[in-house]
N, C-alpha and C. Protein backbone atom coordinates (compact mmCIF):
# COMPACT_ATOMS: atom_id res chain seq x y z
N MET A 1 21.26 -33.72 -52.39
CA MET A 1 19.93 -33.94 -51.80
C MET A 1 20.01 -34.25 -50.33
N LEU A 2 21.03 -35.04 -49.96
CA LEU A 2 21.22 -35.35 -48.58
C LEU A 2 21.58 -34.19 -47.69
N SER A 3 22.33 -33.25 -48.24
CA SER A 3 22.68 -32.03 -47.47
C SER A 3 21.48 -31.21 -47.16
N ILE A 4 20.50 -31.18 -48.11
CA ILE A 4 19.29 -30.38 -47.91
C ILE A 4 18.46 -31.09 -46.81
N PHE A 5 18.43 -32.41 -46.86
CA PHE A 5 17.73 -33.19 -45.83
C PHE A 5 18.27 -32.89 -44.44
N TRP A 6 19.63 -32.90 -44.31
CA TRP A 6 20.26 -32.66 -43.02
C TRP A 6 20.08 -31.20 -42.55
N SER A 7 20.06 -30.28 -43.54
CA SER A 7 19.89 -28.90 -43.20
C SER A 7 18.44 -28.70 -42.68
N MET A 8 17.51 -29.28 -43.33
CA MET A 8 16.09 -29.19 -42.90
C MET A 8 15.96 -29.86 -41.51
N LEU A 9 16.59 -30.97 -41.31
CA LEU A 9 16.52 -31.67 -40.00
C LEU A 9 17.08 -30.90 -38.93
N LEU A 10 18.17 -30.20 -39.15
CA LEU A 10 18.81 -29.36 -38.13
C LEU A 10 17.93 -28.17 -37.82
N TRP A 11 17.30 -27.55 -38.82
CA TRP A 11 16.41 -26.43 -38.59
C TRP A 11 15.21 -26.89 -37.79
N ILE A 12 14.66 -28.03 -38.11
CA ILE A 12 13.48 -28.52 -37.39
C ILE A 12 13.88 -28.83 -35.90
N LEU A 13 15.03 -29.44 -35.72
CA LEU A 13 15.50 -29.71 -34.32
C LEU A 13 15.73 -28.42 -33.65
N TRP A 14 16.31 -27.45 -34.27
CA TRP A 14 16.57 -26.14 -33.60
C TRP A 14 15.23 -25.49 -33.22
N ILE A 15 14.23 -25.49 -34.12
CA ILE A 15 12.91 -24.94 -33.80
C ILE A 15 12.30 -25.67 -32.60
N LEU A 16 12.34 -27.00 -32.66
CA LEU A 16 11.85 -27.85 -31.53
C LEU A 16 12.47 -27.48 -30.22
N TRP A 17 13.81 -27.28 -30.26
CA TRP A 17 14.58 -26.91 -29.04
C TRP A 17 14.11 -25.61 -28.50
N ILE A 18 13.90 -24.63 -29.36
CA ILE A 18 13.39 -23.32 -28.89
C ILE A 18 11.98 -23.43 -28.36
N LEU A 19 11.16 -24.21 -29.01
CA LEU A 19 9.78 -24.45 -28.49
C LEU A 19 9.76 -25.16 -27.15
N TRP A 20 10.70 -26.11 -26.98
CA TRP A 20 10.82 -26.80 -25.66
C TRP A 20 11.19 -25.85 -24.56
N ILE A 21 12.14 -24.98 -24.86
CA ILE A 21 12.56 -23.93 -23.84
C ILE A 21 11.44 -23.03 -23.55
N LEU A 22 10.71 -22.57 -24.56
CA LEU A 22 9.51 -21.71 -24.31
C LEU A 22 8.43 -22.43 -23.46
N TRP A 23 8.29 -23.75 -23.72
CA TRP A 23 7.32 -24.54 -23.01
C TRP A 23 7.72 -24.55 -21.54
N ILE A 24 8.97 -24.84 -21.26
CA ILE A 24 9.48 -24.97 -19.89
C ILE A 24 9.29 -23.57 -19.15
N MET A 25 9.58 -22.53 -19.88
CA MET A 25 9.37 -21.17 -19.28
C MET A 25 7.91 -20.89 -18.92
N LEU A 26 7.07 -21.27 -19.83
CA LEU A 26 5.55 -21.12 -19.60
C LEU A 26 5.12 -22.02 -18.44
N LEU A 27 5.63 -23.18 -18.34
CA LEU A 27 5.24 -24.06 -17.24
C LEU A 27 5.64 -23.49 -15.92
N PHE A 28 6.91 -22.98 -15.84
CA PHE A 28 7.40 -22.38 -14.55
C PHE A 28 6.62 -21.14 -14.24
N ARG A 29 6.26 -20.35 -15.24
CA ARG A 29 5.50 -19.10 -15.09
C ARG A 29 4.09 -19.42 -14.51
N VAL A 30 3.48 -20.47 -15.04
CA VAL A 30 2.14 -20.91 -14.51
C VAL A 30 2.23 -21.44 -13.10
N VAL A 31 3.24 -22.23 -12.83
CA VAL A 31 3.37 -22.79 -11.47
C VAL A 31 3.67 -21.59 -10.52
N THR A 32 4.47 -20.72 -10.89
CA THR A 32 4.78 -19.58 -10.01
C THR A 32 3.50 -18.72 -9.81
N ASP A 33 2.70 -18.52 -10.86
CA ASP A 33 1.46 -17.72 -10.71
C ASP A 33 0.51 -18.53 -9.82
N ILE A 34 0.43 -19.79 -9.87
CA ILE A 34 -0.42 -20.53 -8.99
C ILE A 34 -0.09 -20.23 -7.57
N PHE A 35 1.15 -20.30 -7.18
CA PHE A 35 1.60 -20.10 -5.78
C PHE A 35 1.49 -18.68 -5.34
N ARG A 36 1.61 -17.70 -6.24
CA ARG A 36 1.56 -16.28 -5.86
C ARG A 36 0.16 -15.68 -5.85
N ASP A 37 -0.76 -16.39 -6.38
CA ASP A 37 -2.11 -15.79 -6.42
C ASP A 37 -2.81 -15.85 -5.13
N ASP A 38 -3.06 -14.67 -4.53
CA ASP A 38 -3.69 -14.60 -3.23
C ASP A 38 -5.18 -14.76 -3.28
N ALA A 39 -5.78 -14.66 -4.43
CA ALA A 39 -7.20 -14.76 -4.56
C ALA A 39 -7.70 -16.20 -4.42
N MET A 40 -6.84 -17.18 -4.75
CA MET A 40 -7.19 -18.62 -4.71
C MET A 40 -6.93 -19.21 -3.31
N ASN A 41 -7.82 -20.09 -2.92
CA ASN A 41 -7.56 -20.75 -1.67
C ASN A 41 -6.67 -21.97 -1.90
N GLY A 42 -6.30 -22.61 -0.79
CA GLY A 42 -5.32 -23.72 -0.91
C GLY A 42 -5.80 -24.86 -1.75
N TRP A 43 -7.10 -25.19 -1.72
CA TRP A 43 -7.56 -26.29 -2.45
C TRP A 43 -7.58 -26.04 -3.99
N ALA A 44 -7.90 -24.82 -4.28
CA ALA A 44 -7.79 -24.39 -5.75
C ALA A 44 -6.41 -24.46 -6.28
N LYS A 45 -5.47 -23.97 -5.38
CA LYS A 45 -4.10 -24.03 -5.83
C LYS A 45 -3.64 -25.48 -5.96
N ALA A 46 -4.04 -26.32 -5.02
CA ALA A 46 -3.66 -27.72 -5.15
C ALA A 46 -4.25 -28.41 -6.38
N GLY A 47 -5.46 -28.06 -6.68
CA GLY A 47 -6.10 -28.61 -7.91
C GLY A 47 -5.41 -28.19 -9.19
N TRP A 48 -5.17 -26.83 -9.31
CA TRP A 48 -4.42 -26.44 -10.52
C TRP A 48 -3.00 -26.97 -10.59
N LEU A 49 -2.33 -27.09 -9.44
CA LEU A 49 -0.98 -27.60 -9.43
C LEU A 49 -1.02 -29.15 -9.81
N ALA A 50 -1.98 -29.89 -9.28
CA ALA A 50 -2.09 -31.25 -9.64
C ALA A 50 -2.43 -31.49 -11.10
N LEU A 51 -3.28 -30.64 -11.66
CA LEU A 51 -3.60 -30.70 -13.11
C LEU A 51 -2.41 -30.31 -13.95
N THR A 52 -1.66 -29.36 -13.47
CA THR A 52 -0.46 -28.91 -14.23
C THR A 52 0.68 -29.93 -14.17
N ILE A 53 0.78 -30.69 -13.05
CA ILE A 53 1.79 -31.70 -12.93
C ILE A 53 1.42 -33.01 -13.63
N LEU A 54 0.17 -33.44 -13.41
CA LEU A 54 -0.24 -34.72 -13.96
C LEU A 54 -0.53 -34.65 -15.44
N LEU A 55 -1.10 -33.61 -15.94
CA LEU A 55 -1.39 -33.43 -17.35
C LEU A 55 -0.81 -32.07 -17.73
N PRO A 56 0.49 -32.04 -17.94
CA PRO A 56 1.11 -30.68 -18.07
C PRO A 56 0.63 -29.87 -19.32
N TYR A 57 0.52 -30.47 -20.46
CA TYR A 57 0.11 -29.72 -21.64
C TYR A 57 -1.31 -29.19 -21.51
N LEU A 58 -2.21 -30.14 -21.10
CA LEU A 58 -3.61 -29.75 -20.93
C LEU A 58 -3.78 -28.78 -19.74
N GLY A 59 -3.12 -29.06 -18.60
CA GLY A 59 -3.20 -28.23 -17.53
C GLY A 59 -2.76 -26.76 -17.75
N VAL A 60 -1.59 -26.58 -18.41
CA VAL A 60 -1.09 -25.28 -18.74
C VAL A 60 -2.06 -24.56 -19.71
N LEU A 61 -2.51 -25.36 -20.71
CA LEU A 61 -3.35 -24.75 -21.72
C LEU A 61 -4.71 -24.21 -21.07
N VAL A 62 -5.24 -25.02 -20.24
CA VAL A 62 -6.55 -24.65 -19.54
C VAL A 62 -6.30 -23.47 -18.60
N TYR A 63 -5.17 -23.52 -17.87
CA TYR A 63 -4.85 -22.44 -16.93
C TYR A 63 -4.69 -21.12 -17.68
N VAL A 64 -3.94 -21.17 -18.75
CA VAL A 64 -3.73 -19.91 -19.53
C VAL A 64 -5.00 -19.39 -20.10
N ILE A 65 -5.90 -20.29 -20.58
CA ILE A 65 -7.21 -19.84 -21.08
C ILE A 65 -8.10 -19.27 -19.95
N ALA A 66 -8.13 -19.97 -18.84
CA ALA A 66 -9.00 -19.58 -17.76
C ALA A 66 -8.50 -18.38 -16.93
N ARG A 67 -7.22 -18.33 -16.71
CA ARG A 67 -6.71 -17.37 -15.81
C ARG A 67 -5.54 -16.52 -16.37
N GLY A 68 -5.29 -16.67 -17.64
CA GLY A 68 -4.15 -16.04 -18.33
C GLY A 68 -4.26 -14.48 -18.34
N LYS A 69 -5.45 -13.97 -18.50
CA LYS A 69 -5.61 -12.50 -18.52
C LYS A 69 -5.19 -11.91 -17.21
N ASN A 70 -5.57 -12.54 -16.07
CA ASN A 70 -5.22 -12.00 -14.77
C ASN A 70 -3.76 -12.27 -14.46
N MET A 71 -3.10 -13.21 -15.07
CA MET A 71 -1.66 -13.46 -14.81
C MET A 71 -0.86 -12.18 -15.08
N GLY A 72 -1.09 -11.54 -16.15
CA GLY A 72 -0.43 -10.27 -16.46
C GLY A 72 -0.78 -9.15 -15.50
N ARG A 73 -2.00 -9.09 -15.16
CA ARG A 73 -2.39 -8.01 -14.19
C ARG A 73 -1.78 -8.25 -12.83
N ARG A 74 -1.70 -9.52 -12.37
CA ARG A 74 -1.06 -9.72 -11.05
C ARG A 74 0.43 -9.39 -11.18
N GLU A 75 1.10 -9.77 -12.25
CA GLU A 75 2.48 -9.49 -12.41
C GLU A 75 2.79 -8.00 -12.40
N ILE A 76 1.94 -7.24 -13.12
CA ILE A 76 2.12 -5.78 -13.12
C ILE A 76 1.87 -5.23 -11.75
N ALA A 77 0.81 -5.70 -11.03
CA ALA A 77 0.54 -5.22 -9.66
C ALA A 77 1.67 -5.50 -8.74
N ARG A 78 2.26 -6.70 -8.83
CA ARG A 78 3.38 -7.05 -7.98
C ARG A 78 4.58 -6.26 -8.29
N ALA A 79 4.84 -5.98 -9.52
CA ALA A 79 6.00 -5.17 -9.93
C ALA A 79 5.86 -3.72 -9.41
N ARG A 80 4.64 -3.17 -9.47
CA ARG A 80 4.37 -1.83 -8.95
C ARG A 80 4.54 -1.78 -7.46
N GLU A 81 4.03 -2.90 -6.80
CA GLU A 81 4.17 -2.94 -5.34
C GLU A 81 5.65 -2.94 -4.90
N GLN A 82 6.37 -3.74 -5.62
CA GLN A 82 7.84 -3.89 -5.29
C GLN A 82 8.55 -2.57 -5.61
N GLN A 83 8.19 -1.91 -6.67
CA GLN A 83 8.77 -0.59 -6.95
C GLN A 83 8.44 0.43 -5.94
N ASP A 84 7.14 0.47 -5.48
CA ASP A 84 6.77 1.37 -4.42
C ASP A 84 7.59 1.10 -3.15
N VAL A 85 7.70 -0.12 -2.76
CA VAL A 85 8.47 -0.49 -1.59
C VAL A 85 9.88 0.00 -1.70
N PHE A 86 10.44 -0.21 -2.94
CA PHE A 86 11.86 0.15 -3.14
C PHE A 86 11.96 1.69 -3.06
N HIS A 87 11.06 2.43 -3.72
CA HIS A 87 11.11 3.89 -3.60
C HIS A 87 10.94 4.42 -2.21
N ALA A 88 10.07 3.80 -1.40
CA ALA A 88 9.87 4.19 -0.02
C ALA A 88 11.16 3.95 0.74
N TYR A 89 11.77 2.81 0.54
CA TYR A 89 13.04 2.50 1.24
C TYR A 89 14.12 3.52 0.82
N VAL A 90 14.22 3.91 -0.44
CA VAL A 90 15.24 4.86 -0.87
C VAL A 90 14.98 6.19 -0.23
N ARG A 91 13.69 6.60 -0.20
CA ARG A 91 13.39 7.93 0.38
C ARG A 91 13.72 7.93 1.91
N GLU A 92 13.36 6.80 2.55
CA GLU A 92 13.68 6.68 4.01
C GLU A 92 15.19 6.69 4.26
N ALA A 93 15.93 5.89 3.38
CA ALA A 93 17.35 5.82 3.63
C ALA A 93 18.08 7.09 3.27
N ALA A 94 17.66 7.75 2.19
CA ALA A 94 18.37 8.99 1.81
C ALA A 94 17.88 10.18 2.57
N GLY A 95 16.64 10.16 2.96
CA GLY A 95 16.09 11.30 3.65
C GLY A 95 15.92 12.45 2.67
N ASP A 96 15.34 13.51 3.11
CA ASP A 96 15.18 14.63 2.21
C ASP A 96 16.20 15.75 2.52
N GLY A 97 17.16 15.44 3.43
CA GLY A 97 18.19 16.41 3.75
C GLY A 97 17.77 17.46 4.66
N ARG A 98 16.57 17.43 5.17
CA ARG A 98 16.15 18.45 6.08
C ARG A 98 15.71 17.79 7.37
N ARG A 99 15.72 18.62 8.41
CA ARG A 99 15.25 18.13 9.69
C ARG A 99 13.88 18.70 9.97
N SER A 100 13.09 17.94 10.64
CA SER A 100 11.73 18.45 10.96
C SER A 100 11.73 19.46 12.03
N SER A 101 10.65 20.18 12.21
CA SER A 101 10.57 21.27 13.20
C SER A 101 10.77 20.67 14.60
N VAL A 102 10.20 19.43 14.73
CA VAL A 102 10.37 18.79 16.10
C VAL A 102 11.85 18.58 16.40
N ASP A 103 12.63 18.10 15.46
CA ASP A 103 14.04 17.90 15.59
C ASP A 103 14.72 19.22 15.92
N GLU A 104 14.35 20.24 15.25
CA GLU A 104 14.95 21.59 15.44
C GLU A 104 14.62 22.06 16.88
N LEU A 105 13.37 21.84 17.34
CA LEU A 105 13.04 22.34 18.69
C LEU A 105 13.73 21.52 19.73
N ALA A 106 13.94 20.21 19.50
CA ALA A 106 14.66 19.40 20.44
C ALA A 106 16.13 19.82 20.57
N LYS A 107 16.73 20.14 19.39
CA LYS A 107 18.10 20.60 19.43
C LYS A 107 18.19 21.93 20.12
N LEU A 108 17.24 22.84 19.84
CA LEU A 108 17.25 24.15 20.53
C LEU A 108 17.13 23.97 22.08
N SER A 109 16.30 23.03 22.47
CA SER A 109 16.15 22.83 23.91
C SER A 109 17.50 22.29 24.52
N GLU A 110 18.16 21.45 23.77
CA GLU A 110 19.49 20.96 24.23
C GLU A 110 20.48 22.14 24.41
N ILE A 111 20.50 22.97 23.39
CA ILE A 111 21.36 24.13 23.43
C ILE A 111 21.06 25.02 24.59
N ARG A 112 19.79 25.30 24.81
CA ARG A 112 19.38 26.10 25.94
C ARG A 112 19.72 25.48 27.25
N ALA A 113 19.52 24.10 27.38
CA ALA A 113 19.81 23.44 28.63
C ALA A 113 21.34 23.41 28.87
N ALA A 114 22.11 23.43 27.81
CA ALA A 114 23.62 23.54 27.98
C ALA A 114 24.05 24.94 28.29
N GLY A 115 23.13 25.93 28.22
CA GLY A 115 23.48 27.25 28.59
C GLY A 115 24.11 28.07 27.48
N ASP A 116 24.10 27.57 26.27
CA ASP A 116 24.70 28.24 25.16
C ASP A 116 23.89 29.37 24.63
N ILE A 117 22.55 29.36 24.85
CA ILE A 117 21.66 30.48 24.48
C ILE A 117 20.74 30.84 25.64
N THR A 118 20.34 32.02 25.67
CA THR A 118 19.43 32.53 26.75
C THR A 118 18.00 32.19 26.42
N ASP A 119 17.19 32.39 27.40
CA ASP A 119 15.75 32.07 27.23
C ASP A 119 15.11 32.97 26.12
N GLU A 120 15.57 34.24 26.07
CA GLU A 120 15.04 35.16 24.97
C GLU A 120 15.46 34.65 23.63
N GLU A 121 16.73 34.24 23.47
CA GLU A 121 17.18 33.74 22.17
C GLU A 121 16.45 32.42 21.87
N PHE A 122 16.14 31.62 22.86
CA PHE A 122 15.43 30.39 22.62
C PHE A 122 14.04 30.72 22.10
N ARG A 123 13.33 31.67 22.72
CA ARG A 123 11.98 32.04 22.27
C ARG A 123 11.98 32.57 20.84
N ARG A 124 12.98 33.39 20.50
CA ARG A 124 13.03 33.95 19.13
C ARG A 124 13.33 32.82 18.13
N ALA A 125 14.30 31.92 18.45
CA ALA A 125 14.56 30.78 17.54
C ALA A 125 13.40 29.88 17.45
N LYS A 126 12.68 29.64 18.59
CA LYS A 126 11.46 28.83 18.49
C LYS A 126 10.41 29.39 17.62
N GLY A 127 10.27 30.71 17.67
CA GLY A 127 9.32 31.39 16.84
C GLY A 127 9.65 31.25 15.35
N LEU A 128 10.96 31.32 15.09
CA LEU A 128 11.42 31.11 13.72
C LEU A 128 11.16 29.70 13.20
N VAL A 129 11.41 28.76 14.06
CA VAL A 129 11.23 27.33 13.66
C VAL A 129 9.75 27.09 13.46
N LEU A 130 8.87 27.60 14.37
CA LEU A 130 7.49 27.33 14.18
C LEU A 130 6.85 28.07 13.03
N SER A 131 7.41 29.18 12.68
CA SER A 131 6.91 29.95 11.56
C SER A 131 7.38 29.33 10.19
N GLY A 132 8.37 28.52 10.26
CA GLY A 132 8.87 27.86 9.09
C GLY A 132 9.90 28.66 8.35
N ARG A 133 10.37 29.86 8.91
CA ARG A 133 11.32 30.63 8.21
C ARG A 133 12.70 30.27 8.59
N ALA A 134 12.90 29.37 9.55
CA ALA A 134 14.27 29.11 10.02
C ALA A 134 14.94 28.15 9.07
N PRO A 135 16.27 28.27 8.91
CA PRO A 135 16.99 27.30 8.09
C PRO A 135 16.81 25.90 8.71
N THR A 136 16.61 24.94 7.93
CA THR A 136 16.36 23.64 8.46
C THR A 136 17.56 22.73 8.46
N GLY A 137 18.71 23.23 8.13
CA GLY A 137 19.97 22.51 8.11
C GLY A 137 20.33 21.93 9.41
N ASN A 138 20.40 22.75 10.49
CA ASN A 138 20.73 22.33 11.71
C ASN A 138 20.20 23.42 12.79
N ALA A 139 20.12 23.09 14.00
CA ALA A 139 19.61 23.90 15.03
C ALA A 139 20.56 25.01 15.40
N SER A 140 21.88 24.80 15.21
CA SER A 140 22.84 25.88 15.53
C SER A 140 22.68 27.11 14.62
N ALA A 141 22.29 26.74 13.31
CA ALA A 141 22.04 27.83 12.41
C ALA A 141 20.82 28.65 12.81
N THR A 142 19.79 27.91 13.35
CA THR A 142 18.62 28.54 13.89
C THR A 142 18.94 29.37 15.10
N SER A 143 19.77 28.86 16.01
CA SER A 143 20.14 29.63 17.20
C SER A 143 20.98 30.85 16.81
N THR A 144 21.80 30.74 15.77
CA THR A 144 22.63 31.86 15.33
C THR A 144 21.69 32.94 14.74
N ALA A 145 20.73 32.49 14.02
CA ALA A 145 19.73 33.48 13.44
C ALA A 145 19.04 34.15 14.62
N ALA A 146 18.68 33.39 15.62
CA ALA A 146 18.01 33.96 16.73
C ALA A 146 18.91 34.98 17.51
N MET A 147 20.15 34.60 17.63
CA MET A 147 21.06 35.51 18.40
C MET A 147 21.37 36.74 17.60
N ASN A 148 21.32 36.71 16.32
CA ASN A 148 21.55 37.87 15.50
C ASN A 148 20.31 38.76 15.34
N GLY A 149 19.19 38.25 15.82
CA GLY A 149 17.89 38.99 15.74
C GLY A 149 17.27 38.97 14.35
N ASP A 150 17.72 38.03 13.53
CA ASP A 150 17.05 37.83 12.18
C ASP A 150 15.67 37.32 12.37
N ARG A 151 14.74 37.91 11.61
CA ARG A 151 13.39 37.41 11.65
C ARG A 151 12.97 37.12 10.32
């Protein structure tokens, strides 16, 4: 009989330990949401924070009832915003592997200024770049296409 009592006591303590950890997680989530919410002004944040710190069980319960639905929405919006920023950074860092027509024209101007191509070759290459039929890998490929008379 004593072993059953100890087993039950251990199970109850284990469940209470798990509930305590969940409570701490919820408390930190609520406090974090209070600070991250841009819709609330400073006084509202201070009031919710004071209620959550002074009367933690009641404060968290009231906060989750009053603002819990929007907690998830704000979290999803923040995650999407961070993902968009990350994707924009990756696109910017990786580039799309092509050069813009402005870059191609600048490179062609440098090649012409160096005397590597004539004015006629420059005009043909410029026409190819502006028509969008030129290879966009580099300007020397464009100038080669212009020198070969490719259209």
